[in-house]
N, C-alpha and C. Protein backbone atom coordinates (compact mmCIF):
# COMPACT_ATOMS: atom_id res chain seq x y z
N MET A 1 23.45 -57.49 -32.46
CA MET A 1 22.92 -57.60 -31.14
C MET A 1 23.21 -56.34 -30.32
N SER A 2 24.37 -55.79 -30.50
CA SER A 2 24.69 -54.58 -29.76
C SER A 2 23.80 -53.42 -30.20
N GLY A 3 23.33 -53.43 -31.46
CA GLY A 3 22.41 -52.41 -31.94
C GLY A 3 21.07 -52.49 -31.21
N ILE A 4 20.62 -53.70 -30.96
CA ILE A 4 19.36 -53.90 -30.23
C ILE A 4 19.53 -53.45 -28.78
N MET A 5 20.67 -53.79 -28.21
CA MET A 5 20.95 -53.41 -26.83
C MET A 5 21.03 -51.88 -26.70
N LEU A 6 21.68 -51.27 -27.67
CA LEU A 6 21.80 -49.82 -27.67
C LEU A 6 20.41 -49.18 -27.81
N THR A 7 19.57 -49.74 -28.64
CA THR A 7 18.22 -49.23 -28.83
C THR A 7 17.43 -49.34 -27.52
N ARG A 8 17.58 -50.48 -26.83
CA ARG A 8 16.88 -50.66 -25.54
C ARG A 8 17.38 -49.66 -24.50
N VAL A 9 18.70 -49.45 -24.46
CA VAL A 9 19.27 -48.50 -23.50
C VAL A 9 18.75 -47.10 -23.80
N LEU A 10 18.72 -46.74 -25.08
CA LEU A 10 18.20 -45.43 -25.46
C LEU A 10 16.71 -45.30 -25.13
N ALA A 11 15.95 -46.35 -25.35
CA ALA A 11 14.53 -46.33 -25.05
C ALA A 11 14.30 -46.17 -23.54
N VAL A 12 15.06 -46.94 -22.74
CA VAL A 12 14.93 -46.83 -21.28
C VAL A 12 15.38 -45.45 -20.82
N SER A 13 16.48 -44.98 -21.38
CA SER A 13 16.98 -43.65 -21.01
C SER A 13 15.96 -42.57 -21.36
N THR A 14 15.35 -42.68 -22.52
CA THR A 14 14.34 -41.72 -22.95
C THR A 14 13.13 -41.77 -22.03
N ALA A 15 12.70 -42.95 -21.65
CA ALA A 15 11.57 -43.10 -20.74
C ALA A 15 11.89 -42.50 -19.38
N LEU A 16 13.11 -42.75 -18.90
CA LEU A 16 13.53 -42.18 -17.61
C LEU A 16 13.58 -40.66 -17.67
N LEU A 17 14.14 -40.13 -18.76
CA LEU A 17 14.19 -38.67 -18.92
C LEU A 17 12.80 -38.07 -19.01
N ALA A 18 11.90 -38.73 -19.72
CA ALA A 18 10.53 -38.24 -19.84
C ALA A 18 9.86 -38.23 -18.46
N ALA A 19 10.07 -39.31 -17.69
CA ALA A 19 9.51 -39.37 -16.34
C ALA A 19 10.08 -38.25 -15.46
N LEU A 20 11.38 -38.00 -15.60
CA LEU A 20 12.04 -36.95 -14.83
C LEU A 20 11.47 -35.58 -15.21
N VAL A 21 11.29 -35.34 -16.50
CA VAL A 21 10.74 -34.07 -16.96
C VAL A 21 9.32 -33.88 -16.42
N ILE A 22 8.51 -34.91 -16.47
CA ILE A 22 7.14 -34.83 -15.95
C ILE A 22 7.16 -34.56 -14.44
N HIS A 23 8.05 -35.25 -13.73
CA HIS A 23 8.17 -35.03 -12.29
C HIS A 23 8.61 -33.59 -11.99
N GLN A 24 9.59 -33.08 -12.72
CA GLN A 24 10.06 -31.71 -12.52
C GLN A 24 8.96 -30.70 -12.84
N TYR A 25 8.21 -30.94 -13.90
CA TYR A 25 7.11 -30.06 -14.27
C TYR A 25 6.08 -29.99 -13.15
N ASN A 26 5.71 -31.16 -12.62
CA ASN A 26 4.74 -31.21 -11.53
C ASN A 26 5.29 -30.53 -10.28
N THR A 27 6.57 -30.73 -10.00
CA THR A 27 7.20 -30.10 -8.84
C THR A 27 7.20 -28.58 -8.97
N ILE A 28 7.54 -28.08 -10.15
CA ILE A 28 7.55 -26.63 -10.39
C ILE A 28 6.16 -26.06 -10.22
N ASN A 29 5.15 -26.73 -10.76
CA ASN A 29 3.77 -26.25 -10.60
C ASN A 29 3.35 -26.24 -9.14
N GLN A 30 3.75 -27.26 -8.39
CA GLN A 30 3.43 -27.30 -6.96
C GLN A 30 4.13 -26.16 -6.23
N LEU A 31 5.39 -25.90 -6.57
CA LEU A 31 6.12 -24.80 -5.95
C LEU A 31 5.47 -23.45 -6.26
N ARG A 32 5.04 -23.27 -7.50
CA ARG A 32 4.34 -22.03 -7.86
C ARG A 32 3.08 -21.86 -7.02
N SER A 33 2.36 -22.94 -6.87
CA SER A 33 1.14 -22.89 -6.06
C SER A 33 1.47 -22.58 -4.60
N ASP A 34 2.54 -23.19 -4.08
CA ASP A 34 2.97 -22.93 -2.70
C ASP A 34 3.38 -21.47 -2.51
N VAL A 35 4.11 -20.92 -3.49
CA VAL A 35 4.54 -19.52 -3.41
C VAL A 35 3.32 -18.61 -3.41
N GLU A 36 2.36 -18.86 -4.27
CA GLU A 36 1.14 -18.04 -4.31
C GLU A 36 0.38 -18.13 -3.00
N GLY A 37 0.30 -19.33 -2.43
CA GLY A 37 -0.35 -19.50 -1.13
C GLY A 37 0.38 -18.74 -0.04
N ALA A 38 1.71 -18.76 -0.07
CA ALA A 38 2.51 -18.03 0.92
C ALA A 38 2.32 -16.53 0.76
N ARG A 39 2.24 -16.05 -0.48
CA ARG A 39 1.99 -14.62 -0.71
C ARG A 39 0.64 -14.21 -0.15
N THR A 40 -0.37 -15.00 -0.44
CA THR A 40 -1.72 -14.70 0.04
C THR A 40 -1.75 -14.68 1.57
N LYS A 41 -1.12 -15.66 2.18
CA LYS A 41 -1.08 -15.73 3.65
C LYS A 41 -0.30 -14.54 4.22
N ALA A 42 0.84 -14.20 3.62
CA ALA A 42 1.65 -13.08 4.10
C ALA A 42 0.87 -11.77 3.99
N LEU A 43 0.15 -11.58 2.90
CA LEU A 43 -0.65 -10.36 2.73
C LEU A 43 -1.73 -10.28 3.80
N ALA A 44 -2.41 -11.39 4.06
CA ALA A 44 -3.44 -11.40 5.09
C ALA A 44 -2.84 -11.11 6.46
N GLU A 45 -1.68 -11.70 6.76
CA GLU A 45 -1.03 -11.46 8.04
C GLU A 45 -0.54 -10.01 8.16
N ALA A 46 -0.04 -9.45 7.06
CA ALA A 46 0.41 -8.05 7.07
C ALA A 46 -0.77 -7.12 7.33
N ARG A 47 -1.88 -7.38 6.67
CA ARG A 47 -3.07 -6.54 6.88
C ARG A 47 -3.56 -6.65 8.32
N ALA A 48 -3.55 -7.85 8.86
CA ALA A 48 -3.97 -8.04 10.25
C ALA A 48 -3.03 -7.30 11.19
N SER A 49 -1.75 -7.32 10.89
CA SER A 49 -0.76 -6.63 11.71
C SER A 49 -0.99 -5.11 11.67
N VAL A 50 -1.27 -4.59 10.49
CA VAL A 50 -1.55 -3.15 10.37
C VAL A 50 -2.82 -2.81 11.14
N ALA A 51 -3.84 -3.65 11.01
CA ALA A 51 -5.08 -3.40 11.74
C ALA A 51 -4.83 -3.42 13.25
N ASP A 52 -4.04 -4.38 13.71
CA ASP A 52 -3.70 -4.46 15.14
C ASP A 52 -2.94 -3.22 15.59
N SER A 53 -2.06 -2.71 14.73
CA SER A 53 -1.27 -1.54 15.11
C SER A 53 -2.13 -0.29 15.22
N MET A 54 -3.30 -0.29 14.60
CA MET A 54 -4.19 0.87 14.65
C MET A 54 -5.06 0.87 15.90
N GLU A 55 -5.05 -0.21 16.65
CA GLU A 55 -5.86 -0.27 17.86
C GLU A 55 -5.48 0.86 18.82
N GLY A 56 -6.47 1.56 19.31
CA GLY A 56 -6.23 2.63 20.26
C GLY A 56 -5.76 3.93 19.62
N GLN A 57 -5.79 4.04 18.31
CA GLN A 57 -5.31 5.24 17.62
C GLN A 57 -6.40 6.28 17.40
N GLY A 58 -7.58 6.04 17.94
CA GLY A 58 -8.69 6.97 17.74
C GLY A 58 -8.36 8.38 18.19
N ASP A 59 -7.68 8.52 19.35
CA ASP A 59 -7.33 9.86 19.84
C ASP A 59 -6.39 10.58 18.88
N GLU A 60 -5.41 9.84 18.36
CA GLU A 60 -4.47 10.45 17.42
C GLU A 60 -5.17 10.88 16.14
N VAL A 61 -6.05 10.03 15.61
CA VAL A 61 -6.77 10.37 14.39
C VAL A 61 -7.66 11.59 14.63
N GLU A 62 -8.27 11.65 15.80
CA GLU A 62 -9.08 12.83 16.13
C GLU A 62 -8.20 14.08 16.18
N ARG A 63 -7.01 13.96 16.79
CA ARG A 63 -6.09 15.11 16.86
C ARG A 63 -5.70 15.59 15.47
N VAL A 64 -5.39 14.68 14.58
CA VAL A 64 -4.96 15.10 13.24
C VAL A 64 -6.12 15.71 12.47
N MET A 65 -7.35 15.22 12.69
CA MET A 65 -8.49 15.82 11.99
C MET A 65 -8.78 17.23 12.52
N ILE A 66 -8.64 17.43 13.82
CA ILE A 66 -8.81 18.77 14.38
C ILE A 66 -7.73 19.69 13.84
N TRP A 67 -6.49 19.20 13.83
CA TRP A 67 -5.39 19.99 13.28
C TRP A 67 -5.64 20.33 11.81
N LEU A 68 -6.07 19.33 11.03
CA LEU A 68 -6.32 19.55 9.59
C LEU A 68 -7.45 20.56 9.40
N ASN A 69 -8.49 20.47 10.18
CA ASN A 69 -9.58 21.44 10.11
C ASN A 69 -9.06 22.85 10.37
N ASP A 70 -8.23 23.00 11.40
CA ASP A 70 -7.65 24.30 11.71
C ASP A 70 -6.71 24.78 10.60
N PHE A 71 -5.93 23.87 10.03
CA PHE A 71 -5.03 24.24 8.94
C PHE A 71 -5.82 24.70 7.71
N TYR A 72 -6.92 24.01 7.43
CA TYR A 72 -7.77 24.42 6.31
C TYR A 72 -8.26 25.85 6.52
N LYS A 73 -8.61 26.22 7.76
CA LYS A 73 -9.12 27.56 8.07
C LYS A 73 -8.03 28.63 8.06
N SER A 74 -6.81 28.25 8.34
CA SER A 74 -5.74 29.22 8.58
C SER A 74 -5.33 29.99 7.33
N ALA A 75 -4.68 31.12 7.59
CA ALA A 75 -4.16 31.95 6.49
C ALA A 75 -3.06 31.22 5.73
N ASP A 76 -2.32 30.36 6.39
CA ASP A 76 -1.27 29.58 5.70
C ASP A 76 -1.82 28.35 5.01
N GLY A 77 -3.04 27.99 5.36
CA GLY A 77 -3.66 26.79 4.79
C GLY A 77 -4.51 27.12 3.58
N LEU A 78 -5.70 26.53 3.55
CA LEU A 78 -6.59 26.73 2.39
C LEU A 78 -7.56 27.89 2.55
N ARG A 79 -7.49 28.56 3.69
CA ARG A 79 -8.32 29.75 3.94
C ARG A 79 -9.81 29.47 3.75
N ARG A 80 -10.23 28.30 4.19
CA ARG A 80 -11.64 27.96 4.13
C ARG A 80 -12.26 28.31 5.49
N PRO A 81 -13.20 29.23 5.53
CA PRO A 81 -13.80 29.62 6.81
C PRO A 81 -14.46 28.46 7.54
N GLU A 82 -14.98 27.49 6.80
CA GLU A 82 -15.65 26.33 7.41
C GLU A 82 -14.69 25.16 7.61
N GLY A 83 -13.43 25.34 7.35
CA GLY A 83 -12.45 24.27 7.55
C GLY A 83 -12.71 23.07 6.65
N LEU A 84 -12.92 21.93 7.26
CA LEU A 84 -13.12 20.69 6.51
C LEU A 84 -14.55 20.51 5.98
N TRP A 85 -15.34 21.58 6.02
CA TRP A 85 -16.68 21.53 5.45
C TRP A 85 -16.66 22.22 4.11
N ILE A 86 -17.35 21.62 3.15
CA ILE A 86 -17.43 22.19 1.81
C ILE A 86 -18.82 21.90 1.26
N ASN A 87 -19.47 22.92 0.77
CA ASN A 87 -20.82 22.78 0.19
C ASN A 87 -21.80 22.09 1.15
N GLY A 88 -21.68 22.41 2.44
CA GLY A 88 -22.62 21.91 3.43
C GLY A 88 -22.39 20.50 3.92
N HIS A 89 -21.24 19.93 3.61
CA HIS A 89 -20.92 18.58 4.09
C HIS A 89 -19.42 18.49 4.35
N PRO A 90 -19.03 17.47 5.12
CA PRO A 90 -17.58 17.31 5.35
C PRO A 90 -16.84 17.11 4.03
N ASP A 91 -15.61 17.56 3.99
CA ASP A 91 -14.76 17.37 2.80
C ASP A 91 -14.21 15.95 2.85
N PHE A 92 -15.03 15.01 2.43
CA PHE A 92 -14.65 13.60 2.50
C PHE A 92 -13.39 13.30 1.68
N GLN A 93 -13.27 13.96 0.55
CA GLN A 93 -12.08 13.74 -0.28
C GLN A 93 -10.83 14.21 0.46
N GLY A 94 -10.89 15.39 1.06
CA GLY A 94 -9.75 15.89 1.82
C GLY A 94 -9.39 14.97 2.98
N LEU A 95 -10.41 14.53 3.73
CA LEU A 95 -10.16 13.62 4.84
C LEU A 95 -9.53 12.32 4.34
N GLY A 96 -10.08 11.80 3.26
CA GLY A 96 -9.56 10.54 2.73
C GLY A 96 -8.12 10.65 2.26
N VAL A 97 -7.84 11.69 1.49
CA VAL A 97 -6.50 11.86 0.94
C VAL A 97 -5.49 12.20 2.02
N TRP A 98 -5.79 13.25 2.81
CA TRP A 98 -4.78 13.74 3.75
C TRP A 98 -4.63 12.85 4.99
N VAL A 99 -5.74 12.38 5.55
CA VAL A 99 -5.64 11.59 6.78
C VAL A 99 -5.33 10.13 6.47
N PHE A 100 -6.07 9.53 5.58
CA PHE A 100 -5.91 8.09 5.37
C PHE A 100 -4.83 7.74 4.37
N ASP A 101 -4.79 8.43 3.24
CA ASP A 101 -3.78 8.09 2.23
C ASP A 101 -2.39 8.59 2.59
N LEU A 102 -2.31 9.73 3.25
CA LEU A 102 -0.99 10.31 3.52
C LEU A 102 -0.58 10.15 4.99
N TYR A 103 -1.36 10.73 5.89
CA TYR A 103 -0.96 10.75 7.30
C TYR A 103 -0.76 9.34 7.88
N LEU A 104 -1.79 8.50 7.78
CA LEU A 104 -1.69 7.17 8.40
C LEU A 104 -0.60 6.31 7.75
N ARG A 105 -0.46 6.44 6.44
CA ARG A 105 0.62 5.68 5.77
C ARG A 105 1.98 6.12 6.29
N ARG A 106 2.16 7.43 6.44
CA ARG A 106 3.45 7.93 6.95
C ARG A 106 3.68 7.46 8.38
N ARG A 107 2.63 7.49 9.20
CA ARG A 107 2.77 7.04 10.59
C ARG A 107 3.12 5.55 10.64
N LEU A 108 2.47 4.76 9.79
CA LEU A 108 2.76 3.32 9.77
C LEU A 108 4.18 3.04 9.29
N LYS A 109 4.75 3.94 8.51
CA LYS A 109 6.12 3.77 8.03
C LYS A 109 7.15 4.33 9.01
N GLY A 110 6.67 4.90 10.15
CA GLY A 110 7.60 5.32 11.19
C GLY A 110 7.72 6.80 11.45
N ASP A 111 7.04 7.65 10.67
CA ASP A 111 7.08 9.08 10.93
C ASP A 111 6.42 9.41 12.26
N THR A 112 6.88 10.48 12.90
CA THR A 112 6.21 10.99 14.08
C THR A 112 4.93 11.70 13.64
N GLU A 113 4.09 12.04 14.62
CA GLU A 113 2.88 12.80 14.29
C GLU A 113 3.26 14.10 13.59
N GLU A 114 4.27 14.78 14.11
CA GLU A 114 4.70 16.06 13.54
C GLU A 114 5.22 15.89 12.11
N GLN A 115 6.01 14.86 11.87
CA GLN A 115 6.53 14.63 10.52
C GLN A 115 5.39 14.34 9.54
N ALA A 116 4.43 13.55 9.97
CA ALA A 116 3.30 13.21 9.11
C ALA A 116 2.45 14.46 8.82
N ARG A 117 2.28 15.32 9.83
CA ARG A 117 1.55 16.57 9.61
C ARG A 117 2.29 17.48 8.63
N LYS A 118 3.60 17.55 8.77
CA LYS A 118 4.40 18.37 7.85
C LYS A 118 4.27 17.85 6.42
N ALA A 119 4.17 16.54 6.27
CA ALA A 119 3.99 15.96 4.93
C ALA A 119 2.64 16.39 4.35
N ILE A 120 1.62 16.45 5.20
CA ILE A 120 0.31 16.92 4.73
C ILE A 120 0.40 18.38 4.31
N GLU A 121 1.02 19.20 5.15
CA GLU A 121 1.17 20.62 4.81
C GLU A 121 1.87 20.79 3.47
N ALA A 122 2.95 20.07 3.28
CA ALA A 122 3.71 20.18 2.03
C ALA A 122 2.84 19.76 0.84
N ALA A 123 2.09 18.68 1.00
CA ALA A 123 1.25 18.21 -0.10
C ALA A 123 0.12 19.20 -0.39
N ILE A 124 -0.47 19.77 0.66
CA ILE A 124 -1.54 20.75 0.45
C ILE A 124 -0.98 21.97 -0.28
N ARG A 125 0.23 22.37 0.06
CA ARG A 125 0.84 23.53 -0.61
C ARG A 125 1.15 23.27 -2.08
N GLU A 126 1.10 22.02 -2.48
CA GLU A 126 1.28 21.67 -3.90
C GLU A 126 -0.06 21.58 -4.63
N SER A 127 -1.16 21.72 -3.88
CA SER A 127 -2.48 21.57 -4.51
C SER A 127 -2.87 22.82 -5.29
N ASP A 128 -3.73 22.63 -6.28
CA ASP A 128 -4.22 23.76 -7.08
C ASP A 128 -4.97 24.76 -6.20
N GLU A 129 -5.79 24.26 -5.28
CA GLU A 129 -6.56 25.16 -4.42
C GLU A 129 -5.64 26.06 -3.60
N TRP A 130 -4.59 25.51 -3.04
CA TRP A 130 -3.66 26.32 -2.24
C TRP A 130 -2.97 27.36 -3.12
N ARG A 131 -2.53 26.94 -4.31
CA ARG A 131 -1.84 27.85 -5.22
C ARG A 131 -2.74 29.02 -5.63
N VAL A 132 -4.01 28.73 -5.91
CA VAL A 132 -4.94 29.79 -6.31
C VAL A 132 -5.12 30.77 -5.15
N LYS A 133 -5.28 30.27 -3.94
CA LYS A 133 -5.55 31.13 -2.79
C LYS A 133 -4.31 31.88 -2.31
N HIS A 134 -3.14 31.45 -2.74
CA HIS A 134 -1.90 32.11 -2.32
C HIS A 134 -1.13 32.70 -3.52
N ALA A 135 -1.83 32.93 -4.61
CA ALA A 135 -1.19 33.43 -5.83
C ALA A 135 -0.53 34.80 -5.61
N SER A 136 -1.10 35.61 -4.74
CA SER A 136 -0.57 36.95 -4.52
C SER A 136 0.77 36.95 -3.79
N ARG A 137 1.15 35.81 -3.19
CA ARG A 137 2.43 35.71 -2.46
C ARG A 137 3.62 35.75 -3.40
N GLY A 138 3.41 35.35 -4.63
CA GLY A 138 4.49 35.42 -5.59
C GLY A 138 5.16 34.14 -5.70
């Protein structure tokens, strides 16, 4: 009789453990889903925050583009007589890389306008075009 009782206890225990495992599995999947939802929401909120922080920055972006155009023309820069113009059109790649990929990212991370401009200058001085045009400097 005790063998039958032991078998019943083991069967009930096994059923309870199986139910617990299924419950834990479902809970873990729900938590994974919640985490992914929180990540998606946080990313959307972060992007909105960055967009909000850019409000009213048109004057600053204009200043940096004028500065970049002048730097492109300068003897210390890329020595392009047309500045940010290349082959009869704006240098969209230069604007994209220097203003949007570098300058604005640095500003959003806390650099001053001057620090962000210095970062552009340093990066331009590492470019192949700058090296070719300044090869005689040694």
